[in-house]
Amino acid sequence: MIHHAAIMLAAGIGIPVLAALNARLGANVGGPAAAALVLFSVAFAVTALAVVVTGPSALLRMAGQPWHLFGAGLLVAFYVLSVTWIAPVFGVGNAVFFVLLGQILSAAAIDHFGLFGARIVPLSPLRLAGLGVMAAGLTLTQFAGR
């Protein structure tokens, strides 16, 4: 069961990282829709239409982007595959609990250090307390009443 929690925690950490990477990729090429086309190959037709509408020139700038910005696609696949595999054996509530906990931790680190070009939001004592309250709330909602 601990490995299920670790996988879901890693999946949760990946969600804000995914957002930060894809946001930076979209900013670098000047077209979030073009970045989404690369990321969501499954939704190719819808994304291709958005690129045509918003301007296909951003696709021309993809080749010059740092390779790490394309890591968001791997994180999407990891999340979908892990939650699909883990939730039936670990429980949806448990899976989502660790995803949310991972999101809180990862988002705070991304903001504090300005990772992937994100705007820096320092981890002040008040913000840290707020994150602690959020984590406590998640814990209470998951484990209370059992």
N, C-alpha and C. Protein backbone atom coordinates (compact mmCIF):
# COMPACT_ATOMS: atom_id res chain seq x y z
N MET A 1 0.81 -1.21 0.00
CA MET A 1 0.00 0.00 0.00
C MET A 1 0.85 1.26 0.00
N ILE A 2 2.03 1.21 0.64
CA ILE A 2 2.89 2.39 0.68
C ILE A 2 3.35 2.76 -0.72
N HIS A 3 3.63 1.77 -1.57
CA HIS A 3 4.07 2.09 -2.92
C HIS A 3 2.95 2.75 -3.72
N HIS A 4 1.69 2.41 -3.42
CA HIS A 4 0.58 3.10 -4.08
C HIS A 4 0.58 4.58 -3.70
N ALA A 5 0.77 4.84 -2.41
CA ALA A 5 0.81 6.23 -1.93
C ALA A 5 1.96 6.98 -2.57
N ALA A 6 3.12 6.35 -2.66
CA ALA A 6 4.29 7.00 -3.25
C ALA A 6 4.05 7.33 -4.72
N ILE A 7 3.44 6.41 -5.44
CA ILE A 7 3.14 6.66 -6.86
C ILE A 7 2.14 7.79 -7.00
N MET A 8 1.10 7.81 -6.17
CA MET A 8 0.09 8.87 -6.28
C MET A 8 0.66 10.21 -5.82
N LEU A 9 1.55 10.19 -4.82
CA LEU A 9 2.22 11.42 -4.40
C LEU A 9 3.07 11.95 -5.55
N ALA A 10 3.80 11.06 -6.22
CA ALA A 10 4.61 11.48 -7.38
C ALA A 10 3.72 12.02 -8.50
N ALA A 11 2.58 11.37 -8.72
CA ALA A 11 1.65 11.86 -9.75
C ALA A 11 1.14 13.25 -9.38
N GLY A 12 0.83 13.46 -8.11
CA GLY A 12 0.36 14.77 -7.65
C GLY A 12 1.42 15.85 -7.79
N ILE A 13 2.66 15.50 -7.48
CA ILE A 13 3.76 16.45 -7.64
C ILE A 13 3.90 16.83 -9.11
N GLY A 14 3.67 15.87 -9.99
CA GLY A 14 3.82 16.12 -11.42
C GLY A 14 2.80 17.07 -12.01
N ILE A 15 1.62 17.18 -11.43
CA ILE A 15 0.58 18.02 -12.02
C ILE A 15 0.97 19.50 -12.07
N PRO A 16 1.43 20.11 -10.97
CA PRO A 16 1.86 21.50 -11.10
C PRO A 16 3.14 21.65 -11.93
N VAL A 17 4.01 20.62 -11.89
CA VAL A 17 5.20 20.66 -12.75
C VAL A 17 4.76 20.67 -14.21
N LEU A 18 3.81 19.81 -14.54
CA LEU A 18 3.24 19.78 -15.89
C LEU A 18 2.73 21.16 -16.28
N ALA A 19 1.97 21.78 -15.41
CA ALA A 19 1.41 23.11 -15.69
C ALA A 19 2.53 24.12 -15.92
N ALA A 20 3.55 24.08 -15.08
CA ALA A 20 4.65 25.04 -15.22
C ALA A 20 5.43 24.81 -16.52
N LEU A 21 5.73 23.55 -16.83
CA LEU A 21 6.48 23.26 -18.06
C LEU A 21 5.69 23.67 -19.30
N ASN A 22 4.42 23.28 -19.34
CA ASN A 22 3.63 23.59 -20.52
C ASN A 22 3.35 25.08 -20.63
N ALA A 23 3.19 25.74 -19.50
CA ALA A 23 2.99 27.20 -19.53
C ALA A 23 4.23 27.88 -20.11
N ARG A 24 5.42 27.44 -19.68
CA ARG A 24 6.66 28.03 -20.20
C ARG A 24 6.82 27.73 -21.68
N LEU A 25 6.51 26.49 -22.09
CA LEU A 25 6.60 26.15 -23.51
C LEU A 25 5.67 27.04 -24.32
N GLY A 26 4.44 27.18 -23.85
CA GLY A 26 3.50 28.05 -24.56
C GLY A 26 3.97 29.49 -24.64
N ALA A 27 4.55 29.97 -23.54
CA ALA A 27 5.06 31.34 -23.53
C ALA A 27 6.25 31.48 -24.48
N ASN A 28 7.13 30.49 -24.49
CA ASN A 28 8.31 30.55 -25.35
C ASN A 28 7.97 30.57 -26.83
N VAL A 29 6.95 29.81 -27.22
CA VAL A 29 6.60 29.76 -28.64
C VAL A 29 5.55 30.81 -29.00
N GLY A 30 4.98 31.46 -27.99
CA GLY A 30 3.97 32.48 -28.25
C GLY A 30 2.61 31.91 -28.59
N GLY A 31 2.37 30.64 -28.23
CA GLY A 31 1.07 30.04 -28.52
C GLY A 31 0.77 28.86 -27.62
N PRO A 32 0.03 29.08 -26.53
CA PRO A 32 -0.34 27.97 -25.66
C PRO A 32 -1.09 26.87 -26.41
N ALA A 33 -1.86 27.23 -27.42
CA ALA A 33 -2.58 26.22 -28.19
C ALA A 33 -1.60 25.32 -28.94
N ALA A 34 -0.50 25.88 -29.43
CA ALA A 34 0.51 25.06 -30.12
C ALA A 34 1.19 24.12 -29.12
N ALA A 35 1.46 24.59 -27.93
CA ALA A 35 2.03 23.73 -26.90
C ALA A 35 1.05 22.62 -26.51
N ALA A 36 -0.22 22.95 -26.44
CA ALA A 36 -1.22 21.93 -26.12
C ALA A 36 -1.31 20.87 -27.21
N LEU A 37 -1.10 21.26 -28.47
CA LEU A 37 -1.13 20.29 -29.57
C LEU A 37 -0.05 19.23 -29.37
N VAL A 38 1.14 19.66 -28.98
CA VAL A 38 2.24 18.72 -28.71
C VAL A 38 1.87 17.85 -27.51
N LEU A 39 1.38 18.43 -26.45
CA LEU A 39 1.07 17.71 -25.22
C LEU A 39 -0.09 16.72 -25.39
N PHE A 40 -1.16 17.12 -25.97
CA PHE A 40 -2.36 16.30 -26.04
C PHE A 40 -2.55 15.69 -27.43
N SER A 41 -1.70 14.73 -27.76
CA SER A 41 -1.81 14.11 -29.08
C SER A 41 -3.13 13.36 -29.24
N VAL A 42 -3.69 12.90 -28.14
CA VAL A 42 -4.98 12.20 -28.20
C VAL A 42 -6.08 13.14 -28.68
N ALA A 43 -6.00 14.41 -28.30
CA ALA A 43 -7.00 15.39 -28.69
C ALA A 43 -6.53 16.17 -29.91
N PHE A 44 -5.88 15.49 -30.84
CA PHE A 44 -5.23 16.13 -31.98
C PHE A 44 -6.18 17.02 -32.78
N ALA A 45 -7.34 16.52 -33.13
CA ALA A 45 -8.23 17.29 -34.01
C ALA A 45 -8.66 18.61 -33.37
N VAL A 46 -9.05 18.57 -32.09
CA VAL A 46 -9.50 19.78 -31.41
C VAL A 46 -8.35 20.77 -31.24
N THR A 47 -7.19 20.27 -30.85
CA THR A 47 -6.04 21.13 -30.64
C THR A 47 -5.54 21.72 -31.95
N ALA A 48 -5.55 20.94 -33.02
CA ALA A 48 -5.13 21.44 -34.33
C ALA A 48 -6.02 22.61 -34.76
N LEU A 49 -7.31 22.50 -34.50
CA LEU A 49 -8.22 23.59 -34.83
C LEU A 49 -7.87 24.85 -34.03
N ALA A 50 -7.56 24.70 -32.75
CA ALA A 50 -7.18 25.84 -31.92
C ALA A 50 -5.91 26.50 -32.43
N VAL A 51 -4.96 25.69 -32.91
CA VAL A 51 -3.71 26.24 -33.46
C VAL A 51 -4.01 27.03 -34.73
N VAL A 52 -4.85 26.50 -35.57
CA VAL A 52 -5.20 27.21 -36.81
C VAL A 52 -5.87 28.54 -36.47
N VAL A 53 -6.77 28.51 -35.48
CA VAL A 53 -7.49 29.72 -35.08
C VAL A 53 -6.56 30.75 -34.44
N THR A 54 -5.64 30.28 -33.58
CA THR A 54 -4.79 31.22 -32.85
C THR A 54 -3.49 31.56 -33.56
N GLY A 55 -3.20 30.86 -34.65
CA GLY A 55 -2.00 31.17 -35.43
C GLY A 55 -0.99 30.04 -35.42
N PRO A 56 -0.80 29.36 -36.55
CA PRO A 56 0.11 28.22 -36.62
C PRO A 56 1.59 28.59 -36.56
N SER A 57 1.93 29.85 -36.56
CA SER A 57 3.34 30.24 -36.57
C SER A 57 4.08 29.76 -35.31
N ALA A 58 3.35 29.57 -34.23
CA ALA A 58 4.00 29.09 -33.01
C ALA A 58 4.59 27.70 -33.20
N LEU A 59 3.99 26.87 -34.04
CA LEU A 59 4.53 25.53 -34.31
C LEU A 59 5.92 25.59 -34.92
N LEU A 60 6.18 26.63 -35.69
CA LEU A 60 7.49 26.77 -36.32
C LEU A 60 8.60 27.00 -35.29
N ARG A 61 8.24 27.51 -34.13
CA ARG A 61 9.22 27.79 -33.09
C ARG A 61 9.44 26.63 -32.12
N MET A 62 8.71 25.53 -32.28
CA MET A 62 8.86 24.37 -31.39
C MET A 62 10.27 23.78 -31.42
N ALA A 63 10.83 23.65 -32.59
CA ALA A 63 12.13 22.98 -32.73
C ALA A 63 13.22 23.68 -31.92
N GLY A 64 13.11 24.95 -31.72
CA GLY A 64 14.15 25.69 -31.00
C GLY A 64 13.96 25.76 -29.50
N GLN A 65 12.94 25.07 -28.98
CA GLN A 65 12.66 25.15 -27.55
C GLN A 65 13.52 24.16 -26.76
N PRO A 66 13.82 24.50 -25.50
CA PRO A 66 14.58 23.57 -24.66
C PRO A 66 13.84 22.24 -24.52
N TRP A 67 14.58 21.16 -24.60
CA TRP A 67 13.98 19.82 -24.58
C TRP A 67 13.17 19.56 -23.32
N HIS A 68 13.58 20.12 -22.19
CA HIS A 68 12.88 19.81 -20.94
C HIS A 68 11.45 20.33 -20.91
N LEU A 69 11.14 21.32 -21.74
CA LEU A 69 9.78 21.84 -21.75
C LEU A 69 8.77 20.85 -22.31
N PHE A 70 9.26 19.85 -23.04
CA PHE A 70 8.37 18.84 -23.60
C PHE A 70 8.08 17.72 -22.59
N GLY A 71 8.71 17.79 -21.41
CA GLY A 71 8.48 16.80 -20.37
C GLY A 71 7.06 16.78 -19.84
N ALA A 72 6.31 17.83 -20.07
CA ALA A 72 4.92 17.87 -19.60
C ALA A 72 4.09 16.75 -20.20
N GLY A 73 4.36 16.37 -21.44
CA GLY A 73 3.62 15.27 -22.06
C GLY A 73 3.84 13.96 -21.33
N LEU A 74 5.07 13.73 -20.87
CA LEU A 74 5.35 12.52 -20.09
C LEU A 74 4.60 12.53 -18.77
N LEU A 75 4.50 13.70 -18.15
CA LEU A 75 3.79 13.81 -16.88
C LEU A 75 2.29 13.55 -17.04
N VAL A 76 1.71 13.98 -18.15
CA VAL A 76 0.29 13.70 -18.41
C VAL A 76 0.09 12.19 -18.51
N ALA A 77 0.93 11.53 -19.29
CA ALA A 77 0.80 10.08 -19.46
C ALA A 77 0.98 9.37 -18.12
N PHE A 78 1.96 9.79 -17.32
CA PHE A 78 2.19 9.17 -16.01
C PHE A 78 0.97 9.32 -15.12
N TYR A 79 0.41 10.51 -15.06
CA TYR A 79 -0.76 10.73 -14.21
C TYR A 79 -1.93 9.86 -14.63
N VAL A 80 -2.28 9.90 -15.89
CA VAL A 80 -3.44 9.15 -16.37
C VAL A 80 -3.25 7.65 -16.15
N LEU A 81 -2.08 7.14 -16.52
CA LEU A 81 -1.83 5.71 -16.35
C LEU A 81 -1.78 5.31 -14.88
N SER A 82 -1.13 6.12 -14.04
CA SER A 82 -1.01 5.76 -12.62
C SER A 82 -2.35 5.82 -11.91
N VAL A 83 -3.15 6.84 -12.14
CA VAL A 83 -4.43 6.93 -11.45
C VAL A 83 -5.38 5.84 -11.96
N THR A 84 -5.29 5.52 -13.24
CA THR A 84 -6.13 4.45 -13.78
C THR A 84 -5.76 3.10 -13.17
N TRP A 85 -4.47 2.88 -12.96
CA TRP A 85 -4.00 1.62 -12.39
C TRP A 85 -4.18 1.57 -10.88
N ILE A 86 -3.90 2.64 -10.18
CA ILE A 86 -3.87 2.64 -8.72
C ILE A 86 -5.26 2.78 -8.09
N ALA A 87 -6.11 3.63 -8.61
CA ALA A 87 -7.39 3.91 -7.97
C ALA A 87 -8.24 2.66 -7.71
N PRO A 88 -8.33 1.75 -8.66
CA PRO A 88 -9.16 0.56 -8.38
C PRO A 88 -8.64 -0.30 -7.22
N VAL A 89 -7.33 -0.34 -6.98
CA VAL A 89 -6.79 -1.18 -5.91
C VAL A 89 -6.50 -0.41 -4.63
N PHE A 90 -6.33 0.91 -4.74
CA PHE A 90 -5.96 1.74 -3.59
C PHE A 90 -7.14 2.55 -3.10
N GLY A 91 -8.14 2.73 -3.96
CA GLY A 91 -9.31 3.55 -3.67
C GLY A 91 -9.15 4.93 -4.30
N VAL A 92 -10.24 5.44 -4.84
CA VAL A 92 -10.20 6.75 -5.48
C VAL A 92 -9.85 7.83 -4.47
N GLY A 93 -10.44 7.76 -3.28
CA GLY A 93 -10.15 8.76 -2.25
C GLY A 93 -8.69 8.78 -1.87
N ASN A 94 -8.10 7.59 -1.66
CA ASN A 94 -6.68 7.52 -1.32
C ASN A 94 -5.83 8.07 -2.46
N ALA A 95 -6.15 7.67 -3.68
CA ALA A 95 -5.37 8.14 -4.83
C ALA A 95 -5.42 9.66 -4.94
N VAL A 96 -6.61 10.21 -4.86
CA VAL A 96 -6.77 11.67 -4.99
C VAL A 96 -6.13 12.38 -3.81
N PHE A 97 -6.22 11.81 -2.61
CA PHE A 97 -5.57 12.41 -1.45
C PHE A 97 -4.09 12.64 -1.72
N PHE A 98 -3.39 11.61 -2.20
CA PHE A 98 -1.95 11.75 -2.42
C PHE A 98 -1.65 12.63 -3.63
N VAL A 99 -2.52 12.63 -4.63
CA VAL A 99 -2.35 13.55 -5.75
C VAL A 99 -2.43 14.99 -5.26
N LEU A 100 -3.44 15.29 -4.45
CA LEU A 100 -3.60 16.66 -3.94
C LEU A 100 -2.45 17.06 -3.01
N LEU A 101 -2.01 16.14 -2.17
CA LEU A 101 -0.88 16.44 -1.30
C LEU A 101 0.36 16.75 -2.14
N GLY A 102 0.58 15.95 -3.18
CA GLY A 102 1.70 16.20 -4.08
C GLY A 102 1.59 17.53 -4.79
N GLN A 103 0.38 17.89 -5.19
CA GLN A 103 0.16 19.18 -5.85
C GLN A 103 0.52 20.34 -4.93
N ILE A 104 0.10 20.25 -3.67
CA ILE A 104 0.39 21.31 -2.71
C ILE A 104 1.90 21.48 -2.55
N LEU A 105 2.60 20.37 -2.35
CA LEU A 105 4.06 20.43 -2.15
C LEU A 105 4.78 20.94 -3.39
N SER A 106 4.41 20.40 -4.55
CA SER A 106 5.08 20.77 -5.79
C SER A 106 4.80 22.22 -6.17
N ALA A 107 3.56 22.62 -6.04
CA ALA A 107 3.20 24.01 -6.38
C ALA A 107 3.93 25.00 -5.50
N ALA A 108 4.05 24.68 -4.21
CA ALA A 108 4.77 25.57 -3.30
C ALA A 108 6.24 25.68 -3.69
N ALA A 109 6.85 24.55 -4.05
CA ALA A 109 8.27 24.58 -4.46
C ALA A 109 8.45 25.33 -5.77
N ILE A 110 7.56 25.09 -6.75
CA ILE A 110 7.65 25.79 -8.04
C ILE A 110 7.54 27.29 -7.82
N ASP A 111 6.56 27.71 -7.02
CA ASP A 111 6.37 29.14 -6.76
C ASP A 111 7.55 29.73 -5.98
N HIS A 112 7.98 29.05 -4.95
CA HIS A 112 9.04 29.59 -4.09
C HIS A 112 10.35 29.79 -4.86
N PHE A 113 10.72 28.82 -5.67
CA PHE A 113 11.99 28.89 -6.39
C PHE A 113 11.85 29.43 -7.82
N GLY A 114 10.62 29.71 -8.26
CA GLY A 114 10.41 30.19 -9.62
C GLY A 114 10.82 29.16 -10.67
N LEU A 115 10.61 27.90 -10.36
CA LEU A 115 11.03 26.83 -11.26
C LEU A 115 10.30 26.91 -12.61
N PHE A 116 10.98 26.52 -13.65
CA PHE A 116 10.42 26.47 -15.01
C PHE A 116 9.94 27.83 -15.48
N GLY A 117 10.50 28.89 -14.92
CA GLY A 117 10.12 30.24 -15.32
C GLY A 117 8.87 30.77 -14.65
N ALA A 118 8.36 30.05 -13.64
CA ALA A 118 7.16 30.51 -12.93
C ALA A 118 7.46 31.78 -12.13
N ARG A 119 6.44 32.55 -11.89
CA ARG A 119 6.56 33.75 -11.06
C ARG A 119 6.93 33.32 -9.65
N ILE A 120 7.87 34.00 -9.04
CA ILE A 120 8.32 33.66 -7.69
C ILE A 120 7.32 34.19 -6.66
N VAL A 121 6.86 33.27 -5.82
CA VAL A 121 6.00 33.61 -4.68
C VAL A 121 6.66 32.96 -3.46
N PRO A 122 7.39 33.78 -2.68
CA PRO A 122 8.14 33.22 -1.55
C PRO A 122 7.27 32.45 -0.56
N LEU A 123 7.86 31.44 0.02
CA LEU A 123 7.17 30.62 1.01
C LEU A 123 7.34 31.29 2.38
N SER A 124 6.46 32.23 2.67
CA SER A 124 6.50 32.97 3.93
C SER A 124 5.94 32.08 5.04
N PRO A 125 6.17 32.47 6.29
CA PRO A 125 5.59 31.69 7.40
C PRO A 125 4.07 31.58 7.31
N LEU A 126 3.41 32.65 6.90
CA LEU A 126 1.96 32.63 6.78
C LEU A 126 1.51 31.68 5.66
N ARG A 127 2.21 31.73 4.53
CA ARG A 127 1.88 30.82 3.42
C ARG A 127 2.16 29.37 3.81
N LEU A 128 3.26 29.14 4.50
CA LEU A 128 3.58 27.80 4.97
C LEU A 128 2.50 27.29 5.92
N ALA A 129 2.01 28.16 6.80
CA ALA A 129 0.92 27.79 7.71
C ALA A 129 -0.34 27.45 6.91
N GLY A 130 -0.63 28.24 5.89
CA GLY A 130 -1.79 27.97 5.04
C GLY A 130 -1.69 26.63 4.33
N LEU A 131 -0.49 26.33 3.82
CA LEU A 131 -0.27 25.04 3.18
C LEU A 131 -0.43 23.90 4.18
N GLY A 132 0.03 24.13 5.41
CA GLY A 132 -0.15 23.13 6.47
C GLY A 132 -1.62 22.90 6.79
N VAL A 133 -2.39 23.99 6.83
CA VAL A 133 -3.83 23.86 7.08
C VAL A 133 -4.49 23.09 5.94
N MET A 134 -4.08 23.38 4.70
CA MET A 134 -4.63 22.65 3.55
C MET A 134 -4.31 21.16 3.67
N ALA A 135 -3.07 20.83 3.99
CA ALA A 135 -2.67 19.43 4.13
C ALA A 135 -3.45 18.77 5.27
N ALA A 136 -3.62 19.49 6.37
CA ALA A 136 -4.40 18.96 7.49
C ALA A 136 -5.84 18.74 7.09
N GLY A 137 -6.40 19.67 6.33
CA GLY A 137 -7.77 19.53 5.83
C GLY A 137 -7.92 18.32 4.93
N LEU A 138 -6.97 18.13 4.05
CA LEU A 138 -7.00 16.95 3.19
C LEU A 138 -6.98 15.68 4.03
N THR A 139 -6.12 15.67 5.03
CA THR A 139 -6.00 14.50 5.90
C THR A 139 -7.31 14.25 6.64
N LEU A 140 -7.89 15.30 7.19
CA LEU A 140 -9.15 15.15 7.93
C LEU A 140 -10.26 14.64 7.02
N THR A 141 -10.37 15.19 5.81
CA THR A 141 -11.43 14.74 4.92
C THR A 141 -11.24 13.30 4.47
N GLN A 142 -10.01 12.86 4.38
CA GLN A 142 -9.73 11.51 3.93
C GLN A 142 -9.91 10.47 5.03
N PHE A 143 -9.44 10.79 6.22
CA PHE A 143 -9.38 9.77 7.27
C PHE A 143 -10.42 9.92 8.37
N ALA A 144 -11.12 11.04 8.42
CA ALA A 144 -12.14 11.26 9.45
C ALA A 144 -13.37 10.39 9.14
N GLY A 145 -13.97 9.88 10.15
CA GLY A 145 -15.21 9.12 9.98
C GLY A 145 -15.00 7.67 9.56
N ARG A 146 -13.78 7.19 9.61
CA ARG A 146 -13.56 5.78 9.24
C ARG A 146 -13.79 4.90 10.41
